[in-house]
Amino acid sequence: MISYQQEIYQLISRIPKGKVLTYKIIASSFGLTNPRQVGKILHVNKDPINIPCHRVVRSSGTLASNYAFGGIKSQKKKLLREGVKFSGRKINLNIYLWNQKSS
């Protein structure tokens, strides 16, 4: 897991404001079988300003309950400030999912 940490942080640092990626997409990008491995890496992020882990969400478009920097309400507030809209508890991934290839 640790060997992927810097590469995962580099990917997350490129997610633009107003867009999100999922734990599952990030995990599969690095050949990891369990998206929770990505969550564990993000949980120890020492630079949340430059590595905006609030832009990483579940595959369902919902927020993980253990966001390390103030909890789920803080994560939602950050995303709303960036223009991400919620329908109930979910983000419409058809609109807000970052397409890495088009950037």
C-alpha atoms as a PDB file:
ATOM      1  CA  MET A   1       0.000   0.000   0.000  1.00  0.00           C
ATOM      2  CA  ILE A   2       2.697   2.504   0.972  1.00  0.00           C
ATOM      3  CA  SER A   3       4.464   2.169  -2.384  1.00  0.00           C
ATOM      4  CA  TYR A   4       1.376   3.631  -4.074  1.00  0.00           C
ATOM      5  CA  GLN A   5       0.913   6.474  -1.617  1.00  0.00           C
ATOM      6  CA  GLN A   6       2.812   9.207  -3.475  1.00  0.00           C
ATOM      7  CA  GLU A   7       1.377   8.200  -6.855  1.00  0.00           C
ATOM      8  CA  ILE A   8      -2.159   8.248  -5.458  1.00  0.00           C
ATOM      9  CA  TYR A   9      -1.517  11.656  -3.897  1.00  0.00           C
ATOM     10  CA  GLN A  10      -0.226  12.932  -7.262  1.00  0.00           C
ATOM     11  CA  LEU A  11      -3.396  11.734  -9.006  1.00  0.00           C
ATOM     12  CA  ILE A  12      -5.660  13.311  -6.406  1.00  0.00           C
ATOM     13  CA  SER A  13      -3.783  16.598  -6.572  1.00  0.00           C
ATOM     14  CA  ARG A  14      -4.822  16.821 -10.248  1.00  0.00           C
ATOM     15  CA  ILE A  15      -8.585  16.466  -9.651  1.00  0.00           C
ATOM     16  CA  PRO A  16      -9.982  19.875 -10.620  1.00  0.00           C
ATOM     17  CA  LYS A  17     -12.297  21.907  -8.402  1.00  0.00           C
ATOM     18  CA  GLY A  18     -15.897  20.897  -8.998  1.00  0.00           C
ATOM     19  CA  LYS A  19     -14.994  17.315  -9.964  1.00  0.00           C
ATOM     20  CA  VAL A  20     -14.626  14.052  -8.051  1.00  0.00           C
ATOM     21  CA  LEU A  21     -13.110  10.590  -8.437  1.00  0.00           C
ATOM     22  CA  THR A  22     -14.156   7.423  -6.665  1.00  0.00           C
ATOM     23  CA  TYR A  23     -12.100   5.253  -4.359  1.00  0.00           C
ATOM     24  CA  LYS A  24     -12.787   2.350  -6.712  1.00  0.00           C
ATOM     25  CA  ILE A  25     -11.520   4.148  -9.828  1.00  0.00           C
ATOM     26  CA  ILE A  26      -8.371   5.224  -8.022  1.00  0.00           C
ATOM     27  CA  ALA A  27      -7.796   1.712  -6.659  1.00  0.00           C
ATOM     28  CA  SER A  28      -8.219   0.085 -10.059  1.00  0.00           C
ATOM     29  CA  SER A  29      -5.886   2.665 -11.619  1.00  0.00           C
ATOM     30  CA  PHE A  30      -3.129   1.297  -9.406  1.00  0.00           C
ATOM     31  CA  GLY A  31      -4.077  -2.370  -9.551  1.00  0.00           C
ATOM     32  CA  LEU A  32      -5.391  -2.391  -5.992  1.00  0.00           C
ATOM     33  CA  THR A  33      -8.240  -4.805  -5.388  1.00  0.00           C
ATOM     34  CA  ASN A  34      -9.834  -3.054  -2.429  1.00  0.00           C
ATOM     35  CA  PRO A  35     -10.883   0.627  -2.581  1.00  0.00           C
ATOM     36  CA  ARG A  36     -10.502   0.786   1.205  1.00  0.00           C
ATOM     37  CA  GLN A  37      -6.751   0.755   0.639  1.00  0.00           C
ATOM     38  CA  VAL A  38      -7.141   4.156  -1.030  1.00  0.00           C
ATOM     39  CA  GLY A  39      -9.222   5.350   1.916  1.00  0.00           C
ATOM     40  CA  LYS A  40      -6.481   4.340   4.346  1.00  0.00           C
ATOM     41  CA  ILE A  41      -3.906   6.282   2.334  1.00  0.00           C
ATOM     42  CA  LEU A  42      -6.111   9.364   2.217  1.00  0.00           C
ATOM     43  CA  HIS A  43      -6.816   9.135   5.926  1.00  0.00           C
ATOM     44  CA  VAL A  44      -3.143   9.934   6.658  1.00  0.00           C
ATOM     45  CA  ASN A  45      -2.876  12.734   4.071  1.00  0.00           C
ATOM     46  CA  LYS A  46      -0.664  15.394   5.651  1.00  0.00           C
ATOM     47  CA  ASP A  47      -1.369  18.044   2.989  1.00  0.00           C
ATOM     48  CA  PRO A  48      -5.144  18.242   2.370  1.00  0.00           C
ATOM     49  CA  ILE A  49      -4.850  21.656   0.693  1.00  0.00           C
ATOM     50  CA  ASN A  50      -2.585  20.420  -2.110  1.00  0.00           C
ATOM     51  CA  ILE A  51      -3.946  16.878  -2.039  1.00  0.00           C
ATOM     52  CA  PRO A  52      -7.709  17.559  -1.999  1.00  0.00           C
ATOM     53  CA  CYS A  53      -8.951  14.220  -0.748  1.00  0.00           C
ATOM     54  CA  HIS A  54     -12.406  15.742  -0.195  1.00  0.00           C
ATOM     55  CA  ARG A  55     -12.823  15.194  -3.953  1.00  0.00           C
ATOM     56  CA  VAL A  56     -12.789  11.402  -3.529  1.00  0.00           C
ATOM     57  CA  VAL A  57     -16.185   9.742  -3.027  1.00  0.00           C
ATOM     58  CA  ARG A  58     -17.791   6.316  -3.055  1.00  0.00           C
ATOM     59  CA  SER A  59     -18.817   4.655  -6.315  1.00  0.00           C
ATOM     60  CA  SER A  60     -22.439   5.304  -5.403  1.00  0.00           C
ATOM     61  CA  GLY A  61     -21.797   9.053  -5.378  1.00  0.00           C
ATOM     62  CA  THR A  62     -22.128   9.233  -1.608  1.00  0.00           C
ATOM     63  CA  LEU A  63     -19.549  10.482   0.856  1.00  0.00           C
ATOM     64  CA  ALA A  64     -17.583   8.183   3.121  1.00  0.00           C
ATOM     65  CA  SER A  65     -18.479   8.636   6.776  1.00  0.00           C
ATOM     66  CA  ASN A  66     -14.879   8.748   8.010  1.00  0.00           C
ATOM     67  CA  TYR A  67     -13.573  11.827   6.182  1.00  0.00           C
ATOM     68  CA  ALA A  68     -10.451  12.619   8.203  1.00  0.00           C
ATOM     69  CA  PHE A  69     -10.657  16.407   8.014  1.00  0.00           C
ATOM     70  CA  GLY A  70     -13.807  17.325   9.885  1.00  0.00           C
ATOM     71  CA  GLY A  71     -16.152  14.487   9.000  1.00  0.00           C
ATOM     72  CA  ILE A  72     -18.813  14.096   6.350  1.00  0.00           C
ATOM     73  CA  LYS A  73     -20.360  17.562   6.884  1.00  0.00           C
ATOM     74  CA  SER A  74     -17.002  19.232   6.300  1.00  0.00           C
ATOM     75  CA  GLN A  75     -16.398  17.226   3.119  1.00  0.00           C
ATOM     76  CA  LYS A  76     -19.845  18.098   1.774  1.00  0.00           C
ATOM     77  CA  LYS A  77     -19.341  21.777   2.569  1.00  0.00           C
ATOM     78  CA  LYS A  78     -16.019  21.823   0.678  1.00  0.00           C
ATOM     79  CA  LEU A  79     -17.576  20.153  -2.364  1.00  0.00           C
ATOM     80  CA  LEU A  80     -20.579  22.509  -2.335  1.00  0.00           C
ATOM     81  CA  ARG A  81     -18.203  25.497  -2.244  1.00  0.00           C
ATOM     82  CA  GLU A  82     -16.543  24.126  -5.382  1.00  0.00           C
ATOM     83  CA  GLY A  83     -19.872  23.882  -7.199  1.00  0.00           C
ATOM     84  CA  VAL A  84     -20.603  20.182  -6.753  1.00  0.00           C
ATOM     85  CA  LYS A  85     -24.334  19.708  -6.263  1.00  0.00           C
ATOM     86  CA  PHE A  86     -26.008  16.939  -4.300  1.00  0.00           C
ATOM     87  CA  SER A  87     -29.307  15.228  -4.873  1.00  0.00           C
ATOM     88  CA  GLY A  88     -30.120  14.136  -1.351  1.00  0.00           C
ATOM     89  CA  ARG A  89     -26.937  12.439  -0.171  1.00  0.00           C
ATOM     90  CA  LYS A  90     -25.591  11.677  -3.636  1.00  0.00           C
ATOM     91  CA  ILE A  91     -23.461  13.396  -6.230  1.00  0.00           C
ATOM     92  CA  ASN A  92     -24.468  12.760  -9.840  1.00  0.00           C
ATOM     93  CA  LEU A  93     -21.322  11.082 -11.122  1.00  0.00           C
ATOM     94  CA  ASN A  94     -22.495  11.520 -14.722  1.00  0.00           C
ATOM     95  CA  ILE A  95     -21.960  15.251 -14.198  1.00  0.00           C
ATOM     96  CA  TYR A  96     -19.185  15.563 -11.617  1.00  0.00           C
ATOM     97  CA  LEU A  97     -16.932  12.547 -12.206  1.00  0.00           C
ATOM     98  CA  TRP A  98     -13.548  13.748 -13.464  1.00  0.00           C
ATOM     99  CA  ASN A  99     -12.611  12.286 -16.827  1.00  0.00           C
ATOM    100  CA  GLN A 100      -8.839  12.053 -16.503  1.00  0.00           C
ATOM    101  CA  LYS A 101      -8.405  11.495 -20.223  1.00  0.00           C
ATOM    102  CA  SER A 102     -10.081  14.750 -21.247  1.00  0.00           C
ATOM    103  CA  SER A 103      -7.895  16.871 -18.963  1.00  0.00           C
END
